[in-house]
């Protein structure tokens, strides 16, 4: 029985690094708040602000605040209500630094922040308002954790600030063959078929 257990452990140790994620992939920074701020003085108009933690949008329904409200109906909650038909918008240009902040319920790793840009057919400049804006990750006390800046957002539907690089998962295509079998009749060190999905952790 001990020999069988040792054989299984040896097989798991051999296969796990092949099926597991790339060990060189850096972890996502952990934060409790996300703040998007204009660096050009332009107002911010955002249809949806999506904050991704492990590929899950954790922004929906969270407490959101912003520097001002365009007309009393474009408050920050419109950016995290999960609806495309609404949008948040801060005050007019020239009223000071414009920002929108979302407070999450607890610190979480954040891999990416994405804004659904507002491109108004009546005013093409709306799509440019997020140009060169920053997305900052903050801790519970409001201290800076990380920040990224966007480029030119004119005519773009999405504005993305990525805080973790895309990390590929190693493909289970090559596994070093076992040099010897721990016990007679033990399973081969190489799986006979590639799994459909990664083993559960």
C-alpha atoms as a PDB file:
ATOM      1  CA  UNK A   1       0.000   0.000   0.000  1.00  0.00           C
ATOM      2  CA  UNK A   2       2.830   2.374   0.835  1.00  0.00           C
ATOM      3  CA  UNK A   3       4.414   1.668  -2.524  1.00  0.00           C
ATOM      4  CA  UNK A   4       1.152   2.501  -4.324  1.00  0.00           C
ATOM      5  CA  UNK A   5       0.850   5.768  -2.365  1.00  0.00           C
ATOM      6  CA  UNK A   6       4.438   6.654  -3.232  1.00  0.00           C
ATOM      7  CA  UNK A   7       3.768   5.958  -6.910  1.00  0.00           C
ATOM      8  CA  UNK A   8       0.697   8.205  -6.929  1.00  0.00           C
ATOM      9  CA  UNK A   9       2.588  10.982  -5.129  1.00  0.00           C
ATOM     10  CA  UNK A  10       5.440  10.744  -7.629  1.00  0.00           C
ATOM     11  CA  UNK A  11       2.988  10.944 -10.527  1.00  0.00           C
ATOM     12  CA  UNK A  12       1.232  13.979  -9.010  1.00  0.00           C
ATOM     13  CA  UNK A  13       4.538  15.760  -8.458  1.00  0.00           C
ATOM     14  CA  UNK A  14       5.488  15.112 -12.070  1.00  0.00           C
ATOM     15  CA  UNK A  15       2.203  16.178 -13.654  1.00  0.00           C
ATOM     16  CA  UNK A  16       1.200  19.135 -11.422  1.00  0.00           C
ATOM     17  CA  UNK A  17       3.788  21.617 -12.712  1.00  0.00           C
ATOM     18  CA  UNK A  18       2.729  20.787 -16.269  1.00  0.00           C
ATOM     19  CA  UNK A  19      -0.986  21.318 -15.656  1.00  0.00           C
ATOM     20  CA  UNK A  20      -0.564  24.238 -13.228  1.00  0.00           C
ATOM     21  CA  UNK A  21      -0.300  27.938 -14.038  1.00  0.00           C
ATOM     22  CA  UNK A  22       2.912  29.544 -15.161  1.00  0.00           C
ATOM     23  CA  UNK A  23       4.948  29.994 -11.944  1.00  0.00           C
ATOM     24  CA  UNK A  24       6.578  33.125 -13.398  1.00  0.00           C
ATOM     25  CA  UNK A  25       3.221  34.916 -13.615  1.00  0.00           C
ATOM     26  CA  UNK A  26       3.136  37.745 -11.045  1.00  0.00           C
ATOM     27  CA  UNK A  27       0.155  37.883  -8.662  1.00  0.00           C
ATOM     28  CA  UNK A  28      -2.500  40.558  -9.078  1.00  0.00           C
ATOM     29  CA  UNK A  29      -2.257  43.501  -6.659  1.00  0.00           C
ATOM     30  CA  UNK A  30      -4.750  43.467  -3.789  1.00  0.00           C
ATOM     31  CA  UNK A  31      -6.924  46.536  -3.210  1.00  0.00           C
ATOM     32  CA  UNK A  32     -10.151  47.681  -1.554  1.00  0.00           C
ATOM     33  CA  UNK A  33     -10.945  50.662  -3.780  1.00  0.00           C
ATOM     34  CA  UNK A  34     -10.583  51.648  -7.428  1.00  0.00           C
ATOM     35  CA  UNK A  35     -10.412  55.289  -8.490  1.00  0.00           C
ATOM     36  CA  UNK A  36     -10.582  56.557 -12.075  1.00  0.00           C
ATOM     37  CA  UNK A  37      -9.424  60.140 -12.477  1.00  0.00           C
ATOM     38  CA  UNK A  38      -9.151  62.568 -15.368  1.00  0.00           C
ATOM     39  CA  UNK A  39      -5.703  64.021 -15.985  1.00  0.00           C
ATOM     40  CA  UNK A  40      -6.838  66.449 -18.672  1.00  0.00           C
ATOM     41  CA  UNK A  41      -9.575  68.322 -16.800  1.00  0.00           C
ATOM     42  CA  UNK A  42     -12.264  66.699 -18.948  1.00  0.00           C
ATOM     43  CA  UNK A  43     -15.389  65.344 -17.238  1.00  0.00           C
ATOM     44  CA  UNK A  44     -15.717  61.579 -16.907  1.00  0.00           C
ATOM     45  CA  UNK A  45     -18.612  59.757 -18.561  1.00  0.00           C
ATOM     46  CA  UNK A  46     -18.685  55.999 -17.951  1.00  0.00           C
ATOM     47  CA  UNK A  47     -21.405  53.561 -18.973  1.00  0.00           C
ATOM     48  CA  UNK A  48     -20.017  50.766 -16.799  1.00  0.00           C
ATOM     49  CA  UNK A  49     -16.880  50.433 -14.704  1.00  0.00           C
ATOM     50  CA  UNK A  50     -15.929  46.774 -14.409  1.00  0.00           C
ATOM     51  CA  UNK A  51     -13.395  45.593 -11.871  1.00  0.00           C
ATOM     52  CA  UNK A  52     -12.168  42.061 -12.465  1.00  0.00           C
ATOM     53  CA  UNK A  53     -10.935  39.778  -9.706  1.00  0.00           C
ATOM     54  CA  UNK A  54     -10.214  36.255 -10.967  1.00  0.00           C
ATOM     55  CA  UNK A  55     -12.245  37.072 -14.111  1.00  0.00           C
ATOM     56  CA  UNK A  56     -15.302  38.083 -12.022  1.00  0.00           C
ATOM     57  CA  UNK A  57     -16.675  41.621 -12.164  1.00  0.00           C
ATOM     58  CA  UNK A  58     -16.786  42.599  -8.480  1.00  0.00           C
ATOM     59  CA  UNK A  59     -17.960  46.182  -9.085  1.00  0.00           C
ATOM     60  CA  UNK A  60     -21.680  45.580  -9.642  1.00  0.00           C
ATOM     61  CA  UNK A  61     -23.774  47.075  -6.876  1.00  0.00           C
ATOM     62  CA  UNK A  62     -20.822  48.377  -4.882  1.00  0.00           C
ATOM     63  CA  UNK A  63     -20.741  51.813  -3.278  1.00  0.00           C
ATOM     64  CA  UNK A  64     -19.565  54.359  -5.871  1.00  0.00           C
ATOM     65  CA  UNK A  65     -18.906  58.081  -5.483  1.00  0.00           C
ATOM     66  CA  UNK A  66     -17.679  60.769  -7.868  1.00  0.00           C
ATOM     67  CA  UNK A  67     -16.381  64.324  -7.765  1.00  0.00           C
ATOM     68  CA  UNK A  68     -19.585  65.857  -9.117  1.00  0.00           C
ATOM     69  CA  UNK A  69     -22.785  65.067 -10.995  1.00  0.00           C
ATOM     70  CA  UNK A  70     -23.445  66.471 -14.457  1.00  0.00           C
ATOM     71  CA  UNK A  71     -27.158  67.156 -14.039  1.00  0.00           C
ATOM     72  CA  UNK A  72     -28.299  65.458 -10.846  1.00  0.00           C
ATOM     73  CA  UNK A  73     -29.213  62.188 -12.605  1.00  0.00           C
ATOM     74  CA  UNK A  74     -25.776  60.873 -13.683  1.00  0.00           C
ATOM     75  CA  UNK A  75     -24.494  59.818 -10.262  1.00  0.00           C
ATOM     76  CA  UNK A  76     -21.680  57.297  -9.762  1.00  0.00           C
ATOM     77  CA  UNK A  77     -24.049  54.396  -9.033  1.00  0.00           C
ATOM     78  CA  UNK A  78     -24.972  54.373 -12.732  1.00  0.00           C
ATOM     79  CA  UNK A  79     -21.460  53.133 -13.522  1.00  0.00           C
ATOM     80  CA  UNK A  80     -21.844  49.996 -11.393  1.00  0.00           C
ATOM     81  CA  UNK A  81     -25.500  49.064 -11.914  1.00  0.00           C
ATOM     82  CA  UNK A  82     -24.776  46.443 -14.579  1.00  0.00           C
ATOM     83  CA  UNK A  83     -26.883  48.250 -17.193  1.00  0.00           C
ATOM     84  CA  UNK A  84     -25.629  49.523 -20.544  1.00  0.00           C
ATOM     85  CA  UNK A  85     -28.445  52.026 -20.963  1.00  0.00           C
ATOM     86  CA  UNK A  86     -27.345  54.215 -18.038  1.00  0.00           C
ATOM     87  CA  UNK A  87     -24.114  56.091 -17.441  1.00  0.00           C
ATOM     88  CA  UNK A  88     -22.412  58.232 -14.836  1.00  0.00           C
ATOM     89  CA  UNK A  89     -21.014  61.636 -15.693  1.00  0.00           C
ATOM     90  CA  UNK A  90     -19.162  64.183 -13.628  1.00  0.00           C
ATOM     91  CA  UNK A  91     -19.517  67.953 -13.979  1.00  0.00           C
ATOM     92  CA  UNK A  92     -18.462  70.209 -16.774  1.00  0.00           C
ATOM     93  CA  UNK A  93     -14.873  70.711 -17.843  1.00  0.00           C
ATOM     94  CA  UNK A  94     -12.898  73.244 -15.795  1.00  0.00           C
ATOM     95  CA  UNK A  95     -14.503  72.480 -12.411  1.00  0.00           C
ATOM     96  CA  UNK A  96     -11.404  70.779 -10.992  1.00  0.00           C
ATOM     97  CA  UNK A  97     -10.040  67.230 -11.063  1.00  0.00           C
ATOM     98  CA  UNK A  98     -12.824  64.818 -12.022  1.00  0.00           C
ATOM     99  CA  UNK A  99     -12.882  61.312 -10.525  1.00  0.00           C
ATOM    100  CA  UNK A 100     -15.044  58.278  -9.817  1.00  0.00           C
ATOM    101  CA  UNK A 101     -14.292  55.830  -7.004  1.00  0.00           C
ATOM    102  CA  UNK A 102     -15.703  52.380  -6.235  1.00  0.00           C
ATOM    103  CA  UNK A 103     -15.336  50.908  -2.739  1.00  0.00           C
ATOM    104  CA  UNK A 104     -15.270  47.122  -2.659  1.00  0.00           C
ATOM    105  CA  UNK A 105     -16.552  45.206   0.360  1.00  0.00           C
ATOM    106  CA  UNK A 106     -13.171  43.657   1.109  1.00  0.00           C
ATOM    107  CA  UNK A 107      -9.619  43.598  -0.258  1.00  0.00           C
ATOM    108  CA  UNK A 108      -9.424  41.469  -3.403  1.00  0.00           C
ATOM    109  CA  UNK A 109      -6.784  40.801  -6.075  1.00  0.00           C
ATOM    110  CA  UNK A 110      -7.515  42.985  -9.094  1.00  0.00           C
ATOM    111  CA  UNK A 111      -6.209  41.892 -12.479  1.00  0.00           C
ATOM    112  CA  UNK A 112      -7.970  44.397 -14.712  1.00  0.00           C
ATOM    113  CA  UNK A 113     -10.232  47.461 -14.667  1.00  0.00           C
ATOM    114  CA  UNK A 114     -12.331  48.165 -17.747  1.00  0.00           C
ATOM    115  CA  UNK A 115     -14.641  51.080 -18.518  1.00  0.00           C
ATOM    116  CA  UNK A 116     -17.413  50.892 -21.082  1.00  0.00           C
ATOM    117  CA  UNK A 117     -16.829  54.174 -22.872  1.00  0.00           C
ATOM    118  CA  UNK A 118     -19.685  56.548 -23.642  1.00  0.00           C
ATOM    119  CA  UNK A 119     -19.618  57.449 -27.307  1.00  0.00           C
ATOM    120  CA  UNK A 120     -22.436  59.918 -27.865  1.00  0.00           C
ATOM    121  CA  UNK A 121     -23.648  60.216 -31.451  1.00  0.00           C
ATOM    122  CA  UNK A 122     -24.699  63.783 -30.686  1.00  0.00           C
ATOM    123  CA  UNK A 123     -21.263  64.669 -29.308  1.00  0.00           C
ATOM    124  CA  UNK A 124     -18.281  62.631 -30.619  1.00  0.00           C
ATOM    125  CA  UNK A 125     -16.014  64.190 -27.989  1.00  0.00           C
ATOM    126  CA  UNK A 126     -17.734  62.112 -25.276  1.00  0.00           C
ATOM    127  CA  UNK A 127     -15.660  59.108 -26.298  1.00  0.00           C
ATOM    128  CA  UNK A 128     -12.484  61.101 -25.741  1.00  0.00           C
ATOM    129  CA  UNK A 129     -13.191  62.062 -22.134  1.00  0.00           C
ATOM    130  CA  UNK A 130     -11.361  59.043 -20.700  1.00  0.00           C
ATOM    131  CA  UNK A 131      -8.216  59.762 -22.727  1.00  0.00           C
ATOM    132  CA  UNK A 132      -5.082  59.697 -20.575  1.00  0.00           C
ATOM    133  CA  UNK A 133      -7.110  59.029 -17.428  1.00  0.00           C
ATOM    134  CA  UNK A 134      -5.662  57.005 -14.572  1.00  0.00           C
ATOM    135  CA  UNK A 135      -7.052  53.990 -12.754  1.00  0.00           C
ATOM    136  CA  UNK A 136      -5.602  53.681  -9.256  1.00  0.00           C
ATOM    137  CA  UNK A 137      -5.891  50.774  -6.843  1.00  0.00           C
ATOM    138  CA  UNK A 138      -6.145  51.830  -3.192  1.00  0.00           C
ATOM    139  CA  UNK A 139      -6.080  49.981   0.099  1.00  0.00           C
ATOM    140  CA  UNK A 140      -8.699  50.256   2.854  1.00  0.00           C
ATOM    141  CA  UNK A 141      -7.155  53.483   4.142  1.00  0.00           C
ATOM    142  CA  UNK A 142      -7.009  55.062   0.699  1.00  0.00           C
ATOM    143  CA  UNK A 143      -3.275  54.512   0.270  1.00  0.00           C
ATOM    144  CA  UNK A 144      -1.956  53.957  -3.256  1.00  0.00           C
ATOM    145  CA  UNK A 145      -1.307  50.341  -4.285  1.00  0.00           C
ATOM    146  CA  UNK A 146      -0.878  50.570  -8.061  1.00  0.00           C
ATOM    147  CA  UNK A 147      -1.912  52.783 -10.987  1.00  0.00           C
ATOM    148  CA  UNK A 148      -2.170  52.648 -14.768  1.00  0.00           C
ATOM    149  CA  UNK A 149      -2.881  55.341 -17.353  1.00  0.00           C
ATOM    150  CA  UNK A 150      -4.954  55.014 -20.515  1.00  0.00           C
ATOM    151  CA  UNK A 151      -4.005  56.204 -23.952  1.00  0.00           C
ATOM    152  CA  UNK A 152      -6.232  57.974 -26.465  1.00  0.00           C
ATOM    153  CA  UNK A 153      -9.777  56.646 -25.996  1.00  0.00           C
ATOM    154  CA  UNK A 154     -11.511  58.497 -28.843  1.00  0.00           C
ATOM    155  CA  UNK A 155     -13.813  56.159 -30.811  1.00  0.00           C
ATOM    156  CA  UNK A 156     -13.016  53.220 -28.514  1.00  0.00           C
ATOM    157  CA  UNK A 157     -15.792  51.181 -26.947  1.00  0.00           C
ATOM    158  CA  UNK A 158     -13.604  49.873 -24.141  1.00  0.00           C
ATOM    159  CA  UNK A 159     -10.935  51.470 -22.016  1.00  0.00           C
ATOM    160  CA  UNK A 160      -8.765  48.913 -20.227  1.00  0.00           C
ATOM    161  CA  UNK A 161      -6.247  49.281 -17.432  1.00  0.00           C
ATOM    162  CA  UNK A 162      -4.480  45.943 -16.932  1.00  0.00           C
ATOM    163  CA  UNK A 163      -2.765  45.297 -13.595  1.00  0.00           C
ATOM    164  CA  UNK A 164      -1.785  41.692 -14.223  1.00  0.00           C
ATOM    165  CA  UNK A 165      -0.329  40.417 -17.500  1.00  0.00           C
ATOM    166  CA  UNK A 166      -2.088  37.686 -19.396  1.00  0.00           C
ATOM    167  CA  UNK A 167      -0.564  34.505 -18.032  1.00  0.00           C
ATOM    168  CA  UNK A 168      -0.839  31.353 -20.056  1.00  0.00           C
ATOM    169  CA  UNK A 169      -1.495  27.985 -18.520  1.00  0.00           C
ATOM    170  CA  UNK A 170       1.086  25.360 -19.329  1.00  0.00           C
ATOM    171  CA  UNK A 171      -0.202  22.861 -21.848  1.00  0.00           C
ATOM    172  CA  UNK A 172      -0.170  19.206 -20.733  1.00  0.00           C
ATOM    173  CA  UNK A 173       1.400  18.033 -23.981  1.00  0.00           C
ATOM    174  CA  UNK A 174       4.814  16.874 -22.860  1.00  0.00           C
ATOM    175  CA  UNK A 175       5.595  14.988 -19.691  1.00  0.00           C
ATOM    176  CA  UNK A 176       8.980  13.444 -18.997  1.00  0.00           C
ATOM    177  CA  UNK A 177       8.681   9.660 -19.057  1.00  0.00           C
ATOM    178  CA  UNK A 178       9.344   7.795 -15.846  1.00  0.00           C
ATOM    179  CA  UNK A 179      12.718   6.104 -15.776  1.00  0.00           C
ATOM    180  CA  UNK A 180      11.464   3.276 -13.632  1.00  0.00           C
ATOM    181  CA  UNK A 181       8.223   2.144 -12.082  1.00  0.00           C
ATOM    182  CA  UNK A 182       8.131   2.232  -8.255  1.00  0.00           C
ATOM    183  CA  UNK A 183       6.136  -0.993  -8.199  1.00  0.00           C
ATOM    184  CA  UNK A 184       5.306  -3.660 -10.698  1.00  0.00           C
ATOM    185  CA  UNK A 185       2.163  -2.894 -12.602  1.00  0.00           C
ATOM    186  CA  UNK A 186       1.962   0.720 -11.420  1.00  0.00           C
ATOM    187  CA  UNK A 187       0.406   3.331 -13.717  1.00  0.00           C
ATOM    188  CA  UNK A 188       2.557   5.067 -16.299  1.00  0.00           C
ATOM    189  CA  UNK A 189       4.023   8.431 -15.296  1.00  0.00           C
ATOM    190  CA  UNK A 190       2.580   9.968 -18.471  1.00  0.00           C
ATOM    191  CA  UNK A 191      -1.201  10.432 -18.593  1.00  0.00           C
ATOM    192  CA  UNK A 192      -2.706   8.590 -21.537  1.00  0.00           C
ATOM    193  CA  UNK A 193      -4.979  11.496 -22.447  1.00  0.00           C
ATOM    194  CA  UNK A 194      -4.902  15.213 -21.849  1.00  0.00           C
ATOM    195  CA  UNK A 195      -7.497  16.340 -19.278  1.00  0.00           C
ATOM    196  CA  UNK A 196     -10.346  18.533 -20.438  1.00  0.00           C
ATOM    197  CA  UNK A 197      -9.711  21.041 -17.678  1.00  0.00           C
ATOM    198  CA  UNK A 198      -7.192  21.785 -14.974  1.00  0.00           C
ATOM    199  CA  UNK A 199      -7.347  19.576 -11.893  1.00  0.00           C
ATOM    200  CA  UNK A 200      -9.226  21.184  -9.021  1.00  0.00           C
ATOM    201  CA  UNK A 201      -7.046  22.848  -6.403  1.00  0.00           C
END
